[in-house]
Protein backbone atom coordinates (compact mmCIF):
# COMPACT_ATOMS: atom_id res chain seq x y z
CA MET A 1 -15.42 -14.91 -12.55
CA THR A 2 -11.95 -16.44 -11.80
CA ASP A 3 -11.98 -19.24 -9.24
CA ARG A 4 -9.89 -18.02 -6.23
CA SER A 5 -10.81 -20.53 -3.54
CA SER A 6 -7.71 -22.75 -4.12
CA LYS A 7 -5.18 -19.86 -4.28
CA PRO A 8 -3.06 -18.44 -1.35
CA ARG A 9 -4.43 -15.31 -0.13
CA ILE A 10 -3.00 -11.54 -0.14
CA LEU A 11 -4.20 -8.59 1.84
CA THR A 12 -2.87 -5.13 1.41
CA GLY A 13 -4.29 -1.65 0.84
CA ASP A 14 -3.99 2.04 1.33
CA THR A 15 -5.35 4.70 3.52
CA PRO A 16 -7.25 7.43 1.59
CA THR A 17 -5.19 10.46 2.06
CA GLY A 18 -4.80 11.62 -1.54
CA ARG A 19 -3.92 10.32 -4.96
CA LEU A 20 -1.28 7.53 -5.42
CA HIS A 21 2.20 8.32 -6.68
CA LEU A 22 5.15 6.61 -8.32
CA GLY A 23 6.52 5.70 -4.81
CA HIS A 24 3.36 3.85 -4.07
CA TRP A 25 3.74 2.12 -7.46
CA VAL A 26 7.20 0.72 -6.92
CA GLY A 27 6.71 0.07 -3.24
CA SER A 28 3.58 -1.94 -3.47
CA VAL A 29 1.03 -1.39 -6.24
CA GLU A 30 3.00 -3.15 -9.05
CA ASN A 31 3.41 -6.13 -6.89
CA ARG A 32 -0.35 -6.21 -6.48
CA VAL A 33 -1.04 -5.95 -10.19
CA ARG A 34 1.64 -8.61 -10.78
CA LEU A 35 0.35 -11.19 -8.31
CA GLN A 36 -3.30 -11.20 -9.17
CA ASP A 37 -3.30 -14.30 -11.03
CA GLU A 38 -1.20 -16.17 -8.45
CA TYR A 39 -3.10 -15.15 -5.31
CA ASP A 40 -6.72 -14.64 -4.08
CA CYS A 41 -6.06 -10.86 -3.65
CA TYR A 42 -7.83 -8.48 -1.21
CA PHE A 43 -7.08 -4.88 -1.44
CA LEU A 44 -8.38 -2.63 1.49
CA LEU A 45 -9.60 0.97 1.50
CA ALA A 46 -8.62 1.81 4.95
CA ASN A 47 -11.15 4.77 5.21
CA MET A 48 -11.57 4.28 8.83
CA HIS A 49 -7.97 4.92 9.58
CA ALA A 50 -8.16 8.26 7.57
CA PHE A 51 -10.30 9.59 10.28
CA THR A 52 -7.60 9.27 12.94
CA THR A 53 -5.98 12.54 11.60
CA ARG A 54 -8.78 13.83 9.40
CA ALA A 55 -12.10 13.45 11.39
CA GLU A 56 -13.20 17.03 10.49
CA GLN A 57 -12.87 16.16 6.70
CA PRO A 58 -15.35 13.37 5.98
CA ALA A 59 -16.29 14.51 2.56
CA ASP A 60 -12.56 14.82 1.60
CA ILE A 61 -12.13 11.08 2.85
CA ARG A 62 -14.94 9.87 0.81
CA ARG A 63 -13.48 11.77 -2.31
CA ASP A 64 -10.15 10.35 -1.71
CA THR A 65 -11.54 6.74 -1.26
CA ILE A 66 -13.10 7.00 -4.65
CA GLU A 67 -9.95 8.48 -6.30
CA ILE A 68 -7.80 5.69 -4.95
CA VAL A 69 -9.97 3.11 -6.46
CA LYS A 70 -9.64 5.02 -9.71
CA ASP A 71 -5.82 4.83 -9.28
CA TRP A 72 -6.03 1.19 -8.47
CA LEU A 73 -8.11 0.40 -11.67
CA SER A 74 -5.95 2.64 -13.85
CA ALA A 75 -2.83 0.79 -12.53
CA GLY A 76 -4.12 -2.56 -13.60
CA ILE A 77 -6.14 -3.96 -10.57
CA ASP A 78 -8.92 -6.02 -11.96
CA PRO A 79 -12.06 -6.40 -9.85
CA GLU A 80 -12.76 -9.61 -11.62
CA ARG A 81 -9.41 -11.11 -10.24
CA ALA A 82 -9.13 -9.29 -7.02
CA THR A 83 -11.46 -8.13 -4.28
CA ILE A 84 -11.70 -4.41 -3.43
CA VAL A 85 -12.74 -3.92 0.15
CA LEU A 86 -14.19 -0.91 2.12
CA GLN A 87 -12.96 -1.04 5.67
CA THR A 88 -15.91 0.70 7.26
CA GLU A 89 -18.46 -1.64 5.81
CA VAL A 90 -16.55 -4.77 7.26
CA PRO A 91 -17.79 -4.85 10.85
CA ALA A 92 -15.45 -7.79 11.72
CA ILE A 93 -12.59 -5.76 11.34
CA ALA A 94 -13.56 -3.35 14.23
CA GLU A 95 -14.52 -6.26 16.57
CA LEU A 96 -11.33 -8.05 16.01
CA SER A 97 -9.37 -4.70 16.66
CA TRP A 98 -10.97 -4.89 20.09
CA TYR A 99 -9.80 -8.48 20.84
CA PHE A 100 -6.36 -7.75 19.36
CA ALA A 101 -5.81 -4.69 21.52
CA MET A 102 -5.86 -7.00 24.45
CA LEU A 103 -2.84 -8.81 23.19
CA LEU A 104 -0.62 -5.90 22.69
CA PRO A 105 0.82 -3.76 25.60
CA PHE A 106 0.22 -0.20 25.26
CA ASN A 107 4.00 0.33 25.40
CA ARG A 108 4.63 -2.05 22.58
CA VAL A 109 2.15 -0.19 20.42
CA MET A 110 3.86 3.22 21.03
CA ARG A 111 7.16 1.72 20.39
CA ASN A 112 6.09 1.10 16.85
CA PRO A 113 8.69 3.25 14.77
CA THR A 114 6.39 3.84 11.95
CA LEU A 115 3.85 5.39 14.51
CA LYS A 116 6.56 7.53 15.91
CA THR A 117 7.67 8.81 12.55
CA GLU A 118 4.12 9.70 11.59
CA ILE A 119 3.55 11.60 14.78
CA ASP A 120 6.65 13.63 13.97
CA ALA A 121 6.00 14.03 10.28
CA LYS A 122 2.51 15.32 10.83
CA GLY A 123 3.31 17.43 13.75
CA LEU A 124 0.85 15.81 16.00
CA GLY A 125 3.08 16.23 19.13
CA ASP A 126 0.79 15.06 22.07
CA THR A 127 -2.42 16.27 20.68
CA TYR A 128 -3.25 13.17 18.62
CA SER A 129 -6.55 11.41 19.14
CA PHE A 130 -6.63 8.05 21.07
CA GLY A 131 -7.74 6.64 17.81
CA PHE A 132 -4.35 7.37 16.32
CA PRO A 133 -2.35 4.72 18.03
CA LEU A 134 -5.22 2.47 17.96
CA TYR A 135 -5.23 2.44 14.08
CA ALA A 136 -1.88 0.48 14.48
CA VAL A 137 -3.79 -2.29 16.32
CA GLY A 138 -6.63 -1.93 13.76
CA GLN A 139 -4.10 -2.50 11.01
CA CYS A 140 -3.52 -5.96 12.46
CA ALA A 141 -7.29 -6.69 12.19
CA ASP A 142 -7.32 -5.43 8.61
CA ILE A 143 -4.79 -8.08 7.68
CA LEU A 144 -5.74 -10.98 9.95
CA ALA A 145 -9.52 -10.81 9.21
CA PHE A 146 -8.67 -12.14 5.80
CA ARG A 147 -5.90 -14.83 7.19
CA PRO A 148 -3.55 -13.87 4.28
CA GLU A 149 -0.19 -15.71 3.74
CA LEU A 150 1.44 -12.59 2.12
CA VAL A 151 1.25 -8.91 2.50
CA PRO A 152 2.88 -6.52 -0.08
CA VAL A 153 3.92 -3.45 1.66
CA GLY A 154 6.18 -0.53 1.26
CA GLU A 155 9.19 -0.35 3.49
CA ASP A 156 7.68 2.20 5.75
CA GLN A 157 4.84 -0.28 6.65
CA ALA A 158 7.15 -2.99 7.71
CA ALA A 159 6.84 -2.27 11.40
CA HIS A 160 3.21 -2.48 11.16
CA LEU A 161 3.34 -5.90 9.59
CA GLU A 162 5.63 -7.18 12.18
CA MET A 163 3.25 -6.19 15.09
CA CYS A 164 0.54 -8.08 13.06
CA ARG A 165 2.89 -11.17 13.07
CA GLU A 166 3.26 -10.80 16.81
CA VAL A 167 -0.57 -10.66 17.38
CA ALA A 168 -1.04 -13.72 14.93
CA ARG A 169 1.34 -15.79 17.08
CA ARG A 170 0.00 -14.53 20.51
CA PHE A 171 -3.67 -15.33 19.53
CA ASP A 172 -2.66 -18.94 18.03
CA VAL A 173 -0.64 -19.67 21.29
CA LEU A 174 -3.09 -18.30 23.78
CA TYR A 175 -6.46 -19.55 22.19
CA CYS A 176 -5.56 -22.26 19.85
CA GLY A 177 -2.92 -24.15 21.74
CA VAL A 178 -0.04 -23.77 19.32
CA ASP A 179 3.31 -24.28 20.99
CA SER A 180 5.02 -20.89 21.27
CA HIS A 181 8.32 -22.42 19.82
CA ALA A 182 6.69 -23.53 16.54
CA GLU A 183 8.11 -22.13 13.44
CA ASP A 184 6.08 -19.35 11.82
CA ASP A 185 5.27 -21.47 8.82
CA ASP A 186 3.90 -24.27 10.96
CA PHE A 187 1.30 -22.22 12.92
CA VAL A 188 -1.68 -23.10 10.97
CA ASP A 189 -0.68 -26.80 10.63
CA LYS A 190 -0.31 -27.04 14.38
CA GLY A 191 -3.92 -25.78 15.04
CA GLY A 192 -3.60 -22.10 14.80
CA LEU A 193 -6.29 -19.94 13.33
CA PHE A 194 -4.21 -17.17 11.92
CA PRO A 195 -1.20 -17.59 9.46
CA VAL A 196 1.86 -15.64 10.45
CA PRO A 197 1.79 -13.58 7.28
CA LYS A 198 4.99 -12.95 5.18
CA MET A 199 6.14 -9.65 4.00
CA LEU A 200 6.72 -8.58 0.47
CA ILE A 201 8.70 -5.37 0.12
CA GLY A 202 8.49 -3.45 -3.15
CA ARG A 203 11.45 -3.48 -5.59
CA VAL A 204 12.33 0.33 -4.63
CA ALA A 205 12.02 0.66 -0.96
CA ARG A 206 12.28 4.50 -0.81
CA LEU A 207 11.64 6.51 -3.92
CA VAL A 208 13.15 9.86 -3.67
CA GLY A 209 10.73 12.80 -4.44
CA THR A 210 11.30 15.43 -7.21
CA ASP A 211 12.98 17.62 -4.58
CA GLY A 212 15.86 15.19 -4.79
CA SER A 213 16.19 14.63 -1.08
CA ASN A 214 13.00 13.59 0.73
CA LYS A 215 10.99 10.55 0.13
CA MET A 216 8.15 10.98 -2.36
CA SER A 217 5.17 12.53 -0.50
CA LYS A 218 1.98 14.40 -1.44
CA SER A 219 2.42 16.58 1.58
CA LEU A 220 5.92 17.68 0.66
CA ASP A 221 4.82 18.45 -2.78
CA ASN A 222 7.45 16.41 -4.40
CA ALA A 223 5.44 13.61 -6.11
CA ILE A 224 4.57 12.50 -9.60
CA PHE A 225 1.10 11.00 -9.39
CA LEU A 226 -0.15 8.04 -11.35
CA SER A 227 -2.90 10.42 -12.70
CA ASP A 228 -0.53 13.05 -13.81
CA THR A 229 -0.44 14.12 -17.45
CA ALA A 230 2.44 13.80 -19.72
CA LYS A 231 2.90 17.56 -19.59
CA GLN A 232 2.87 17.52 -15.78
CA VAL A 233 5.49 14.65 -15.65
CA LYS A 234 7.84 16.76 -18.11
CA LYS A 235 7.38 19.78 -15.74
CA LYS A 236 8.13 17.98 -12.57
CA ILE A 237 11.23 16.15 -13.89
CA GLY A 238 12.44 19.18 -15.66
CA LYS A 239 12.79 21.11 -12.44
CA MET A 240 14.68 18.31 -10.57
CA TYR A 241 18.10 19.40 -9.50
CA PRO A 242 20.69 16.66 -10.41
CA GLY A 243 22.72 17.18 -7.20
CA GLN A 244 25.71 18.79 -8.91
CA SER A 245 26.79 21.57 -11.40
CA ARG A 246 28.37 20.51 -14.40
CA GLU A 247 28.78 21.19 -18.22
CA PRO A 248 27.60 18.52 -20.80
CA ASP A 249 31.19 17.58 -21.45
CA GLU A 250 32.28 17.40 -17.77
CA PRO A 251 32.24 14.05 -16.02
CA GLY A 252 29.22 13.29 -13.72
CA ASN A 253 28.44 11.45 -10.65
CA VAL A 254 25.61 9.03 -11.13
CA GLU A 255 25.63 8.12 -7.57
CA ILE A 256 24.53 11.48 -6.21
CA ASN A 257 22.10 12.23 -9.05
CA PRO A 258 18.52 11.50 -8.14
CA ILE A 259 17.54 11.61 -11.67
CA PHE A 260 19.37 8.33 -12.11
CA GLU A 261 17.41 6.78 -9.26
CA TYR A 262 14.36 7.33 -11.54
CA ALA A 263 16.25 6.01 -14.56
CA ASP A 264 17.06 2.73 -12.59
CA ALA A 265 13.36 2.50 -11.41
CA PHE A 266 11.56 3.15 -14.51
CA MET A 267 13.89 2.62 -17.64
CA LYS A 268 13.12 -0.79 -19.19
CA ASP A 269 16.20 -0.72 -21.66
CA THR A 270 18.85 -1.83 -19.20
CA ALA A 271 21.62 -1.94 -21.81
CA GLY A 272 20.68 1.69 -22.78
CA LEU A 273 20.57 2.77 -19.22
CA ASP A 274 23.98 1.38 -18.62
CA GLU A 275 25.39 3.14 -21.68
CA LEU A 276 23.66 6.41 -20.44
CA LYS A 277 25.46 6.02 -17.12
CA ASP A 278 28.67 5.33 -18.78
CA ARG A 279 28.55 8.38 -21.02
CA TYR A 280 27.56 10.64 -18.07
CA ARG A 281 30.47 9.37 -15.92
CA ARG A 282 32.86 10.07 -18.78
CA GLY A 283 31.36 13.48 -19.56
CA ASP A 284 30.66 12.30 -23.33
CA ASN A 285 28.72 15.37 -24.34
CA LEU A 286 25.71 14.24 -22.19
CA GLY A 287 23.97 16.82 -20.20
CA ASP A 288 21.33 16.44 -17.44
CA GLY A 289 18.80 17.37 -19.89
CA HIS A 290 19.54 14.22 -22.01
CA VAL A 291 19.08 11.98 -18.74
CA LYS A 292 15.87 13.83 -17.90
CA ALA A 293 14.38 13.37 -21.28
CA ALA A 294 15.04 9.59 -21.10
CA VAL A 295 13.43 9.51 -17.73
CA ILE A 296 10.39 11.37 -18.90
CA ASP A 297 9.84 9.01 -21.80
CA ALA A 298 10.15 6.10 -19.59
CA ILE A 299 7.64 7.32 -16.83
CA ASN A 300 5.22 8.41 -19.56
CA GLU A 301 5.45 5.00 -21.12
CA LEU A 302 4.39 3.47 -17.78
CA LEU A 303 1.66 5.89 -17.13
CA GLU A 304 0.04 6.21 -20.44
CA PRO A 305 -1.95 2.93 -20.21
CA MET A 306 -3.05 3.90 -16.83
CA ARG A 307 -4.26 7.34 -18.19
CA GLU A 308 -6.31 5.44 -20.76
CA ARG A 309 -7.93 3.17 -18.24
CA ARG A 310 -8.55 5.94 -15.70
CA ALA A 311 -10.51 7.82 -18.46
CA GLU A 312 -13.09 5.23 -18.44
CA PHE A 313 -14.04 6.46 -14.92
CA GLU A 314 -13.65 10.15 -15.31
CA GLY A 315 -16.85 11.05 -17.23
CA PRO A 316 -20.46 10.96 -16.17
CA GLY A 317 -21.25 8.06 -14.08
CA GLY A 318 -17.69 7.18 -13.31
CA ASP A 319 -18.05 7.71 -9.56
CA ASP A 320 -21.21 5.44 -9.56
CA ALA A 321 -19.30 2.71 -11.32
CA VAL A 322 -16.54 2.81 -8.75
CA ILE A 323 -18.90 2.61 -6.00
CA ASP A 324 -20.62 -0.40 -7.56
CA ILE A 325 -17.14 -2.09 -7.82
CA ILE A 326 -16.61 -1.24 -4.04
CA ARG A 327 -19.96 -2.71 -3.00
CA GLN A 328 -19.57 -6.04 -4.96
CA GLY A 329 -15.99 -6.48 -3.55
CA THR A 330 -17.03 -5.54 0.03
CA ALA A 331 -19.92 -8.09 0.01
CA ARG A 332 -17.43 -10.81 -0.97
CA ALA A 333 -15.14 -9.75 1.49
CA ASN A 334 -17.60 -9.89 4.35
CA ALA A 335 -18.27 -13.47 3.89
CA VAL A 336 -14.53 -14.13 4.61
CA ALA A 337 -14.21 -11.70 7.51
CA GLU A 338 -17.26 -13.05 9.09
CA GLU A 339 -16.08 -16.63 8.92
CA THR A 340 -12.66 -15.42 10.49
CA LEU A 341 -14.63 -13.66 13.30
CA ALA A 342 -16.69 -16.70 14.00
CA LEU A 343 -13.62 -18.92 14.18
CA ALA A 344 -11.69 -16.34 16.54
CA LYS A 345 -14.82 -16.19 18.98
CA GLU A 346 -15.07 -19.92 18.99
CA ALA A 347 -11.44 -20.13 19.91
CA MET A 348 -12.06 -17.38 22.57
CA SER A 349 -15.05 -19.26 23.96
CA LEU A 350 -17.30 -16.50 22.74
CA ASP A 351 -19.33 -18.66 20.25
CA PHE A 352 -22.83 -18.08 21.68
CA GLY A 353 -24.32 -17.88 18.22
CA ARG A 354 -23.64 -16.84 14.66
CA ARG A 355 -25.16 -13.58 13.07
CA ASP A 356 -26.22 -13.10 9.55
CA LEU A 357 -24.78 -10.07 7.80
CA SER A 358 -26.46 -8.63 4.76
CA TRP A 359 -24.92 -6.12 2.46
CA ARG A 360 -26.51 -4.08 -0.36
């Protein structure tokens, strides 16, 4: 087991709403894989949050929770180097959510642009449960329960993290006596419990879906999943519209062609990519089919090792092996979260005793 105690800490995760796709990879997951040796990594399965819009689908949430872990493991997350955490089995998160809710005005929560976007995108109108806006507060607890220094997120989660940073500051000022004018990097050194976590946005903030216009999303049926076969990738890319109609010997516009967005994101041969773009702009007998073929090869080169790793968990006993990984990680995570909760309650003059939490 790698010694993680001396490393700075990361916390990030996913709500189990379905399989992960290439947008998740370039937005956050590849950063998680890359940083495993440099940081003490905690990756959260936010299954409690899934109930905010799918409370009537508990079996589906359980299935999706297991499937996301398979996606993580196939992508290269190593449970020997990172801690996989099941949100519903870390009681400190729920208790911290309650305390943090007192630090955020209701209007501030409802002004969260990500929350507004989700309400519109999911067609919730004014029928959403009370728990739906509460999950935005819960995300603050998800993060701060582990006191991380860095949070790798997709661009669409930036507003949530900014609210988390506000909570960290307010708690440290109100309960730990930190000067409200202190620099974010100095809060812990000046007596604060919670670091003001930094944000790490993925190298592609918004990956377009295979429809060529909307952000990649399972709900819009425009996603290429990390678990897709080579045949599925070829079919999905093959159907993409390049944003223009042209013959192979006519000049093309790289800037409006969504297929080139995929080429930029996934082709490793930058010199070859530059040549492809030059030929496409000149109309050098290069059709969209040639570009699609190069993109298909690049995506399948990325996904093939993931398919091989995922196969280890697809046969008999695969789900049980995943659940065992979840249990081991969650036991480790509870030790950290319980320490955070005890320190928070001490700062709030709520330290009337310490509880022992067992996990099996």
